[in-house]
Amino acid sequence: MASASEEWLLENGNIKVLSKEMRNGRTAHNVSSSSLRKKSDRALLAGIRVGFLRRFLGNLQEPWVFALSCLGLIPLAERVSFLTEQIALYTGPTVGGLLNATCGNVTELVIAIFALIQNKVGVVKYSLLGSVLSNLLLVLGSSLFCGGIANISKEQKFERKQADVNSLLLLLGLICHVLPLMFKFTGKSDPELTAFATLALSRASSIIMLIAYFGYLIFQLFTHRQLFQEQQEEGVVESDEVETDETPVIGIYSALIWLVLMTGIVALLSEYVVATIEAASDSWGLSVGFISVILLPIVGNAVEHAGAIIFAFRNKLDITLGVALGSATQIAMFVVPLSVIISWIIGVKMDLDLSLIETISLGLSILITSLALQDGSSHYMKGLVLLLCYFVIGACFFVSWAPLNTPNLGFSSEMVRL
């Protein structure tokens, strides 16, 4: 006899019991194929008695696409950087500087565009925030620490002028993130009006940030070129090697063709990364925030990380600061506002509100980096402190499983059980 909890349906004169899926309004016709595939995969894996093997095979589904796509982005980012430098040798410093500004962080920009197309605004915010934090704390901290250990008997000095300009731009970007966040606490009585004001302010601030960044390019390439040229000349004087003028090793048209092809492959892998990030989060037991803030920026900036550390080993901290701070400034003042403008064009509502924890992490990172560079000297202890700050922030996102601040993203909001 059927239990009292079962529900019944009269169809064509026949009485049939409603299944759990049918009671919830789901049938075999409207259950997605991916859900059915996941259920069948779990059933097959449940038959494997060895726990380690079962977990290993479970990870060989969609997450391995995410992992391999991330690994594939590392050499592609290096090739894009090489091709950009080759084109810059033909076009001169002005066009070359603009090209570097556009292609220097092409991986982050392409990932952001594909995430916006799929309306995954939270992934865009987290990945770009992670790029800034990675450059300020991980890249710069590793460089100062390794450089300080390798040159422990030498006094390490660097020119503060470039660091001061980058710090000012980063503080301007921080203001543009803090003010939209304040609307959350001042406009709780009317959520619709608050959301509209936040979006409008974010778009206006993004235009201002782009103006500031192009002003920085003019400052760097025209009006105050001598500041950056002096750093390069000092690096040449301190080097024991005889350096000659760089000559291109590939033709400009070949470089352009290869740049387009490499960018296309980066776009393809970035699409796989964005599409499988949720599956990787569920399979590995890591939050989407941790993957976006910590793992993706490390992959996207791996080449820059290695280059900055190598220059620090050679005691060329001016070049190291140019790589780390320059990349952080480029992300914060160019890629972030450009993503807001692109989302505006395609009809996706992306603002500059990073939520409270993310904004505080960004602000403290900019503050501690500015304090570490204020005296124009360096030692391994400064690098160690920056690295430890990055580990603390990483641990914060590792244990945080709060839902992303943008609705309709489709991410799991389950809380981790400690």
Protein backbone atom coordinates (compact mmCIF):
# COMPACT_ATOMS: atom_id res chain seq x y z
CA MET A 1 0.00 0.00 0.00
CA ALA A 2 1.34 3.38 -0.92
CA SER A 3 2.39 5.70 1.88
CA ALA A 4 0.26 8.70 2.75
CA SER A 5 3.01 11.10 1.68
CA GLU A 6 2.83 9.98 -1.93
CA GLU A 7 0.96 12.20 -4.39
CA TRP A 8 -1.25 10.87 -7.18
CA LEU A 9 -2.08 11.93 -10.71
CA LEU A 10 -5.04 10.83 -12.87
CA GLU A 11 -3.95 10.62 -16.49
CA ASN A 12 -5.92 8.93 -19.31
CA GLY A 13 -7.98 7.05 -16.75
CA ASN A 14 -4.91 5.55 -15.07
CA ILE A 15 -3.69 6.42 -11.62
CA LYS A 16 0.09 6.88 -11.28
CA VAL A 17 2.38 7.88 -8.47
CA LEU A 18 4.21 11.18 -8.81
CA SER A 19 7.97 10.89 -8.45
CA LYS A 20 10.03 13.40 -6.49
CA GLU A 21 11.08 15.17 -9.66
CA MET A 22 7.48 15.40 -10.91
CA ARG A 23 6.24 16.77 -7.56
CA ASN A 24 8.84 19.53 -7.85
CA GLY A 25 7.74 20.33 -11.39
CA ARG A 26 10.66 18.54 -13.05
CA THR A 27 10.37 15.63 -15.46
CA ALA A 28 12.80 13.76 -17.63
CA HIS A 29 11.92 16.20 -20.39
CA ASN A 30 12.85 19.39 -18.55
CA VAL A 31 15.79 18.15 -16.48
CA SER A 32 18.94 19.41 -18.18
CA SER A 33 21.24 16.92 -19.85
CA SER A 34 24.15 18.14 -17.75
CA SER A 35 22.24 17.33 -14.55
CA LEU A 36 21.43 13.83 -15.80
CA ARG A 37 25.04 13.32 -16.83
CA LYS A 38 26.29 14.42 -13.42
CA LYS A 39 23.89 12.01 -11.67
CA SER A 40 25.02 9.10 -13.83
CA ASP A 41 28.66 10.00 -13.29
CA ARG A 42 28.15 10.05 -9.54
CA ALA A 43 26.44 6.65 -9.70
CA LEU A 44 29.36 5.15 -11.60
CA LEU A 45 31.95 6.70 -9.29
CA ALA A 46 30.07 5.49 -6.20
CA GLY A 47 30.86 1.92 -7.23
CA ILE A 48 34.60 2.51 -6.84
CA ARG A 49 35.59 1.47 -3.34
CA VAL A 50 39.06 3.07 -3.18
CA GLY A 51 38.43 6.57 -1.90
CA PHE A 52 41.52 8.16 -3.46
CA LEU A 53 40.81 6.64 -6.86
CA ARG A 54 37.17 7.67 -6.66
CA ARG A 55 38.11 11.30 -5.94
CA PHE A 56 40.76 11.26 -8.67
CA LEU A 57 38.35 9.98 -11.30
CA GLY A 58 35.75 12.46 -10.11
CA ASN A 59 38.17 15.26 -10.87
CA LEU A 60 38.70 14.01 -14.44
CA GLN A 61 35.44 15.51 -15.63
CA GLU A 62 34.87 19.18 -16.42
CA PRO A 63 37.45 20.49 -13.89
CA TRP A 64 40.34 18.99 -15.86
CA VAL A 65 39.26 21.20 -18.78
CA PHE A 66 39.53 24.20 -16.44
CA ALA A 67 42.95 23.14 -15.14
CA LEU A 68 44.46 22.39 -18.56
CA SER A 69 43.05 25.61 -20.01
CA CYS A 70 44.70 27.59 -17.20
CA LEU A 71 48.03 25.86 -17.80
CA GLY A 72 47.75 26.52 -21.53
CA LEU A 73 47.34 30.24 -20.90
CA ILE A 74 50.82 30.55 -19.34
CA PRO A 75 52.98 30.02 -22.49
CA LEU A 76 50.42 31.90 -24.60
CA ALA A 77 50.71 34.95 -22.32
CA GLU A 78 54.50 34.86 -22.75
CA ARG A 79 54.20 34.70 -26.56
CA VAL A 80 51.71 37.58 -26.65
CA SER A 81 54.12 39.66 -24.55
CA PHE A 82 57.02 38.79 -26.90
CA LEU A 83 55.04 39.65 -30.04
CA THR A 84 53.90 42.95 -28.51
CA GLU A 85 57.51 43.89 -27.79
CA GLN A 86 58.51 43.01 -31.35
CA ILE A 87 55.79 45.23 -32.82
CA ALA A 88 56.79 48.05 -30.46
CA LEU A 89 60.32 47.98 -31.96
CA TYR A 90 58.82 48.92 -35.33
CA THR A 91 56.20 51.41 -34.19
CA GLY A 92 58.30 53.40 -31.73
CA PRO A 93 57.74 54.17 -28.05
CA THR A 94 54.44 56.07 -28.42
CA VAL A 95 52.44 53.47 -30.35
CA GLY A 96 54.39 50.73 -28.58
CA GLY A 97 53.33 52.09 -25.21
CA LEU A 98 49.68 52.15 -26.24
CA LEU A 99 50.02 48.62 -27.64
CA ASN A 100 51.56 47.40 -24.41
CA ALA A 101 48.73 49.05 -22.49
CA THR A 102 46.22 47.13 -24.58
CA CYS A 103 47.95 43.74 -24.85
CA GLY A 104 49.96 43.68 -21.64
CA ASN A 105 47.11 42.07 -19.74
CA VAL A 106 45.26 40.52 -22.66
CA THR A 107 44.55 37.32 -20.69
CA GLU A 108 42.66 39.13 -17.94
CA LEU A 109 40.82 41.30 -20.47
CA VAL A 110 39.68 38.35 -22.60
CA ILE A 111 38.53 36.37 -19.55
CA ALA A 112 36.59 39.43 -18.37
CA ILE A 113 34.88 39.85 -21.76
CA PHE A 114 33.79 36.20 -21.96
CA ALA A 115 32.55 36.28 -18.37
CA LEU A 116 30.54 39.42 -19.13
CA ILE A 117 28.99 37.79 -22.19
CA GLN A 118 27.85 34.94 -19.93
CA ASN A 119 26.63 37.49 -17.34
CA LYS A 120 29.12 36.25 -14.73
CA VAL A 121 29.88 39.68 -13.36
CA GLY A 122 31.15 38.27 -10.08
CA VAL A 123 33.90 36.34 -11.88
CA VAL A 124 35.00 39.55 -13.63
CA LYS A 125 35.18 41.52 -10.40
CA TYR A 126 36.98 38.79 -8.49
CA SER A 127 39.52 37.99 -11.21
CA LEU A 128 40.46 41.64 -11.80
CA LEU A 129 40.66 42.30 -8.06
CA GLY A 130 42.89 39.24 -7.76
CA SER A 131 45.20 40.56 -10.50
CA VAL A 132 45.73 43.81 -8.62
CA LEU A 133 46.30 42.03 -5.29
CA SER A 134 48.63 39.52 -6.95
CA ASN A 135 50.83 42.22 -8.49
CA LEU A 136 50.93 44.39 -5.37
CA LEU A 137 51.55 41.67 -2.79
CA LEU A 138 52.61 38.39 -4.42
CA VAL A 139 54.75 39.63 -7.33
CA LEU A 140 56.27 42.61 -5.54
CA GLY A 141 56.62 40.72 -2.26
CA SER A 142 58.33 37.73 -3.90
CA SER A 143 60.64 40.05 -5.83
CA LEU A 144 61.67 42.12 -2.81
CA PHE A 145 62.14 39.01 -0.68
CA CYS A 146 64.22 37.10 -3.23
CA GLY A 147 66.15 40.21 -4.22
CA GLY A 148 66.86 41.01 -0.59
CA ILE A 149 68.17 37.49 0.09
CA ALA A 150 70.30 37.44 -3.07
CA ASN A 151 71.75 40.90 -2.36
CA ILE A 152 71.78 40.75 1.42
CA SER A 153 75.19 42.46 1.63
CA LYS A 154 74.21 45.31 -0.74
CA GLU A 155 72.11 48.39 -0.21
CA GLN A 156 69.03 48.17 -2.41
CA LYS A 157 67.77 51.51 -3.68
CA PHE A 158 65.15 52.50 -6.24
CA GLU A 159 63.65 55.66 -7.69
CA ARG A 160 60.49 56.66 -5.83
CA LYS A 161 59.01 58.94 -8.51
CA GLN A 162 57.43 56.17 -10.58
CA ALA A 163 56.19 54.38 -7.46
CA ASP A 164 54.56 57.59 -6.19
CA VAL A 165 52.68 58.15 -9.45
CA ASN A 166 51.42 54.55 -9.50
CA SER A 167 50.35 54.78 -5.86
CA LEU A 168 48.36 57.97 -6.58
CA LEU A 169 46.56 56.29 -9.48
CA LEU A 170 45.78 53.23 -7.37
CA LEU A 171 44.36 55.46 -4.61
CA LEU A 172 42.17 57.19 -7.20
CA GLY A 173 40.92 53.78 -8.31
CA LEU A 174 40.25 52.86 -4.67
CA ILE A 175 38.07 55.96 -4.22
CA CYS A 176 36.06 54.93 -7.28
CA HIS A 177 35.42 51.55 -5.61
CA VAL A 178 34.69 52.88 -2.12
CA LEU A 179 32.05 55.44 -3.07
CA PRO A 180 29.69 52.96 -4.81
CA LEU A 181 30.08 50.68 -1.79
CA MET A 182 28.92 53.51 0.50
CA PHE A 183 25.54 53.59 -1.26
CA LYS A 184 24.80 50.21 0.32
CA PHE A 185 24.91 51.75 3.78
CA THR A 186 23.22 55.06 2.93
CA GLY A 187 20.40 53.93 0.62
CA LYS A 188 18.88 50.91 2.33
CA SER A 189 15.41 52.49 2.37
CA ASP A 190 15.10 52.34 -1.43
CA PRO A 191 17.09 49.43 -2.91
CA GLU A 192 16.05 50.19 -6.51
CA LEU A 193 17.21 53.80 -6.33
CA THR A 194 20.43 52.68 -4.63
CA ALA A 195 21.18 50.16 -7.36
CA PHE A 196 20.53 52.77 -10.06
CA ALA A 197 22.76 55.35 -8.34
CA THR A 198 25.53 52.78 -7.82
CA LEU A 199 25.49 51.78 -11.49
CA ALA A 200 25.40 55.38 -12.73
CA LEU A 201 28.25 56.44 -10.44
CA SER A 202 30.30 53.40 -11.47
CA ARG A 203 29.96 54.20 -15.16
CA ALA A 204 30.89 57.85 -14.60
CA SER A 205 33.83 56.84 -12.43
CA SER A 206 35.01 54.37 -15.09
CA ILE A 207 35.19 57.16 -17.66
CA ILE A 208 37.19 59.27 -15.19
CA MET A 209 39.54 56.34 -14.51
CA LEU A 210 40.18 55.87 -18.23
CA ILE A 211 40.93 59.59 -18.59
CA ALA A 212 43.39 59.33 -15.69
CA TYR A 213 45.08 56.30 -17.24
CA PHE A 214 45.50 57.96 -20.64
CA GLY A 215 46.88 60.98 -18.79
CA TYR A 216 49.38 58.62 -17.17
CA LEU A 217 50.40 57.34 -20.62
CA ILE A 218 51.02 60.92 -21.77
CA PHE A 219 53.01 61.53 -18.59
CA GLN A 220 55.08 58.39 -19.17
CA LEU A 221 55.62 58.65 -22.93
CA PHE A 222 55.87 62.40 -23.51
CA THR A 223 56.06 64.98 -20.75
CA HIS A 224 58.17 63.03 -18.24
CA ARG A 225 59.86 60.41 -20.37
CA GLN A 226 63.18 61.24 -18.72
CA LEU A 227 62.06 59.73 -15.43
CA PHE A 228 61.59 56.32 -17.01
CA GLN A 229 64.56 56.60 -19.35
CA GLU A 230 66.84 57.34 -16.38
CA GLN A 231 65.80 54.07 -14.80
CA GLN A 232 66.65 52.12 -17.94
CA GLU A 233 70.02 53.89 -18.29
CA GLU A 234 70.88 53.14 -14.66
CA GLY A 235 70.09 49.48 -15.30
CA VAL A 236 72.46 49.48 -18.25
CA VAL A 237 75.25 51.13 -16.25
CA GLU A 238 74.92 48.73 -13.35
CA SER A 239 74.96 45.70 -15.64
CA ASP A 240 78.31 44.08 -16.34
CA GLU A 241 77.14 42.92 -19.74
CA VAL A 242 77.57 45.02 -22.85
CA GLU A 243 74.08 45.69 -24.16
CA THR A 244 73.32 46.66 -27.72
CA ASP A 245 70.23 48.20 -29.27
CA GLU A 246 67.45 45.70 -29.63
CA THR A 247 66.65 44.62 -33.14
CA PRO A 248 63.45 42.82 -34.09
CA VAL A 249 63.75 39.12 -34.85
CA ILE A 250 60.47 38.87 -36.74
CA GLY A 251 58.80 41.02 -39.38
CA ILE A 252 56.03 43.40 -38.37
CA TYR A 253 53.38 41.71 -40.54
CA SER A 254 54.35 38.27 -39.27
CA ALA A 255 54.22 39.58 -35.71
CA LEU A 256 50.74 41.04 -36.29
CA ILE A 257 49.45 37.79 -37.80
CA TRP A 258 50.88 35.72 -34.96
CA LEU A 259 49.51 38.19 -32.40
CA VAL A 260 46.00 37.79 -33.83
CA LEU A 261 46.32 33.99 -33.84
CA MET A 262 47.67 33.87 -30.28
CA THR A 263 44.94 36.20 -29.07
CA GLY A 264 42.36 33.93 -30.71
CA ILE A 265 43.75 30.87 -28.90
CA VAL A 266 43.79 32.84 -25.63
CA ALA A 267 40.14 33.72 -26.25
CA LEU A 268 39.28 30.05 -26.85
CA LEU A 269 40.98 28.85 -23.67
CA SER A 270 39.51 31.75 -21.70
CA GLU A 271 36.03 30.68 -22.78
CA TYR A 272 36.72 27.18 -21.43
CA VAL A 273 38.03 28.67 -18.18
CA VAL A 274 34.92 30.78 -17.65
CA ALA A 275 32.55 27.96 -18.63
CA THR A 276 34.09 25.37 -16.26
CA ILE A 277 34.98 27.51 -13.24
CA GLU A 278 31.80 26.50 -11.38
CA ALA A 279 32.44 22.80 -12.00
CA ALA A 280 36.01 23.20 -10.75
CA SER A 281 34.71 24.95 -7.65
CA ASP A 282 32.26 22.13 -6.86
CA SER A 283 34.74 19.34 -7.62
CA TRP A 284 37.73 20.74 -5.76
CA GLY A 285 35.77 22.08 -2.81
CA LEU A 286 37.06 25.63 -3.40
CA SER A 287 34.91 28.72 -3.56
CA VAL A 288 34.53 30.54 -6.86
CA GLY A 289 35.92 33.60 -5.10
CA PHE A 290 39.14 31.82 -4.12
CA ILE A 291 39.65 30.42 -7.63
CA SER A 292 38.98 33.81 -9.25
CA VAL A 293 40.99 35.94 -6.81
CA ILE A 294 43.95 33.62 -6.20
CA LEU A 295 44.35 30.95 -8.89
CA LEU A 296 43.38 32.77 -12.09
CA PRO A 297 45.65 35.82 -11.51
CA ILE A 298 48.63 33.59 -10.72
CA VAL A 299 48.12 31.81 -14.05
CA GLY A 300 47.52 34.98 -16.03
CA ASN A 301 50.54 36.81 -14.61
CA ALA A 302 53.00 33.91 -14.36
CA VAL A 303 55.35 35.35 -16.99
CA GLU A 304 55.40 38.78 -15.33
CA HIS A 305 56.00 37.15 -11.94
CA ALA A 306 59.10 35.36 -13.20
CA GLY A 307 60.46 38.45 -14.95
CA ALA A 308 60.04 40.68 -11.90
CA ILE A 309 61.85 38.18 -9.64
CA ILE A 310 64.74 37.81 -12.11
CA PHE A 311 65.27 41.59 -12.21
CA ALA A 312 65.17 41.70 -8.39
CA PHE A 313 67.89 39.03 -8.26
CA ARG A 314 70.02 41.34 -10.44
CA ASN A 315 69.32 44.23 -8.03
CA LYS A 316 67.36 46.17 -10.69
CA LEU A 317 64.44 47.12 -8.48
CA ASP A 318 63.34 50.00 -10.70
CA ILE A 319 62.47 47.54 -13.46
CA THR A 320 60.83 45.21 -10.92
CA LEU A 321 58.64 48.03 -9.63
CA GLY A 322 57.78 48.98 -13.18
CA VAL A 323 56.57 45.45 -13.87
CA ALA A 324 54.62 44.90 -10.62
CA LEU A 325 53.19 48.36 -9.97
CA GLY A 326 52.78 49.11 -13.67
CA SER A 327 50.71 45.97 -14.21
CA ALA A 328 48.59 46.63 -11.10
CA THR A 329 47.93 50.19 -12.28
CA GLN A 330 47.04 48.96 -15.75
CA ILE A 331 44.50 46.49 -14.38
CA ALA A 332 42.97 48.90 -11.86
CA MET A 333 42.81 51.99 -14.10
CA PHE A 334 42.40 50.49 -17.58
CA VAL A 335 41.03 46.93 -17.61
CA VAL A 336 38.51 47.42 -14.76
CA PRO A 337 36.87 50.59 -16.13
CA LEU A 338 37.04 49.20 -19.68
CA SER A 339 35.12 46.13 -18.47
CA VAL A 340 32.43 48.40 -17.00
CA ILE A 341 32.15 50.28 -20.30
CA ILE A 342 31.99 47.03 -22.29
CA SER A 343 29.28 45.68 -19.99
CA TRP A 344 27.39 48.93 -20.49
CA ILE A 345 27.57 48.49 -24.27
CA ILE A 346 26.38 44.86 -24.25
CA GLY A 347 23.59 45.53 -21.73
CA VAL A 348 25.09 43.85 -18.64
CA LYS A 349 24.86 45.73 -15.34
CA MET A 350 28.38 45.74 -13.90
CA ASP A 351 29.32 48.34 -11.29
CA LEU A 352 32.44 49.08 -9.25
CA ASP A 353 30.98 47.80 -5.97
CA LEU A 354 33.34 45.01 -4.86
CA SER A 355 31.53 44.41 -1.52
CA LEU A 356 33.02 45.13 1.88
CA ILE A 357 35.68 42.41 2.32
CA GLU A 358 37.00 42.81 -1.21
CA THR A 359 37.21 46.62 -0.98
CA ILE A 360 38.95 46.51 2.40
CA SER A 361 41.45 43.97 1.04
CA LEU A 362 42.21 46.22 -1.91
CA GLY A 363 42.55 49.34 0.23
CA LEU A 364 44.85 47.73 2.78
CA SER A 365 46.99 46.21 0.02
CA ILE A 366 47.49 49.62 -1.62
CA LEU A 367 48.23 51.20 1.76
CA ILE A 368 50.81 48.65 2.91
CA THR A 369 52.52 48.66 -0.50
CA SER A 370 52.78 52.46 -0.43
CA LEU A 371 54.23 52.36 3.09
CA ALA A 372 56.77 49.71 2.08
CA LEU A 373 58.03 51.86 -0.81
CA GLN A 374 57.97 55.28 0.83
CA ASP A 375 61.68 55.50 1.75
CA GLY A 376 63.14 54.42 -1.62
CA SER A 377 64.98 51.40 -0.21
CA SER A 378 64.28 47.71 0.13
CA HIS A 379 65.29 44.59 2.04
CA TYR A 380 63.96 41.07 2.35
CA MET A 381 61.82 41.87 5.40
CA LYS A 382 59.57 44.16 3.35
CA GLY A 383 59.06 41.42 0.81
CA LEU A 384 58.27 38.90 3.53
CA VAL A 385 55.60 41.15 5.05
CA LEU A 386 53.95 41.71 1.66
CA LEU A 387 53.93 37.96 1.01
CA LEU A 388 52.38 37.22 4.40
CA CYS A 389 49.68 39.83 3.76
CA TYR A 390 48.86 38.05 0.50
CA PHE A 391 48.63 34.70 2.31
CA VAL A 392 46.24 36.18 4.89
CA ILE A 393 43.99 37.59 2.15
CA GLY A 394 44.15 34.25 0.32
CA ALA A 395 43.11 32.44 3.50
CA CYS A 396 40.18 34.86 3.86
CA PHE A 397 38.84 34.00 0.41
CA PHE A 398 39.59 30.30 0.96
CA VAL A 399 37.26 30.05 3.96
CA SER A 400 34.65 32.44 2.57
CA TRP A 401 31.82 30.76 0.68
CA ALA A 402 29.47 33.73 0.71
CA PRO A 403 27.41 34.17 -2.45
CA LEU A 404 28.73 36.67 -4.98
CA ASN A 405 27.25 40.14 -4.74
CA THR A 406 25.66 40.04 -8.20
CA PRO A 407 22.40 38.09 -8.66
CA ASN A 408 21.61 35.63 -11.43
CA LEU A 409 25.13 34.25 -11.60
CA GLY A 410 24.19 30.64 -10.97
CA PHE A 411 26.93 30.06 -8.39
CA SER A 412 26.50 27.79 -5.42
CA SER A 413 26.07 29.66 -2.14
CA GLU A 414 26.56 26.71 0.18
CA MET A 415 28.56 27.50 3.26
CA VAL A 416 31.64 25.43 3.95
CA ARG A 417 31.39 23.24 7.07
CA LEU A 418 34.41 23.75 9.32
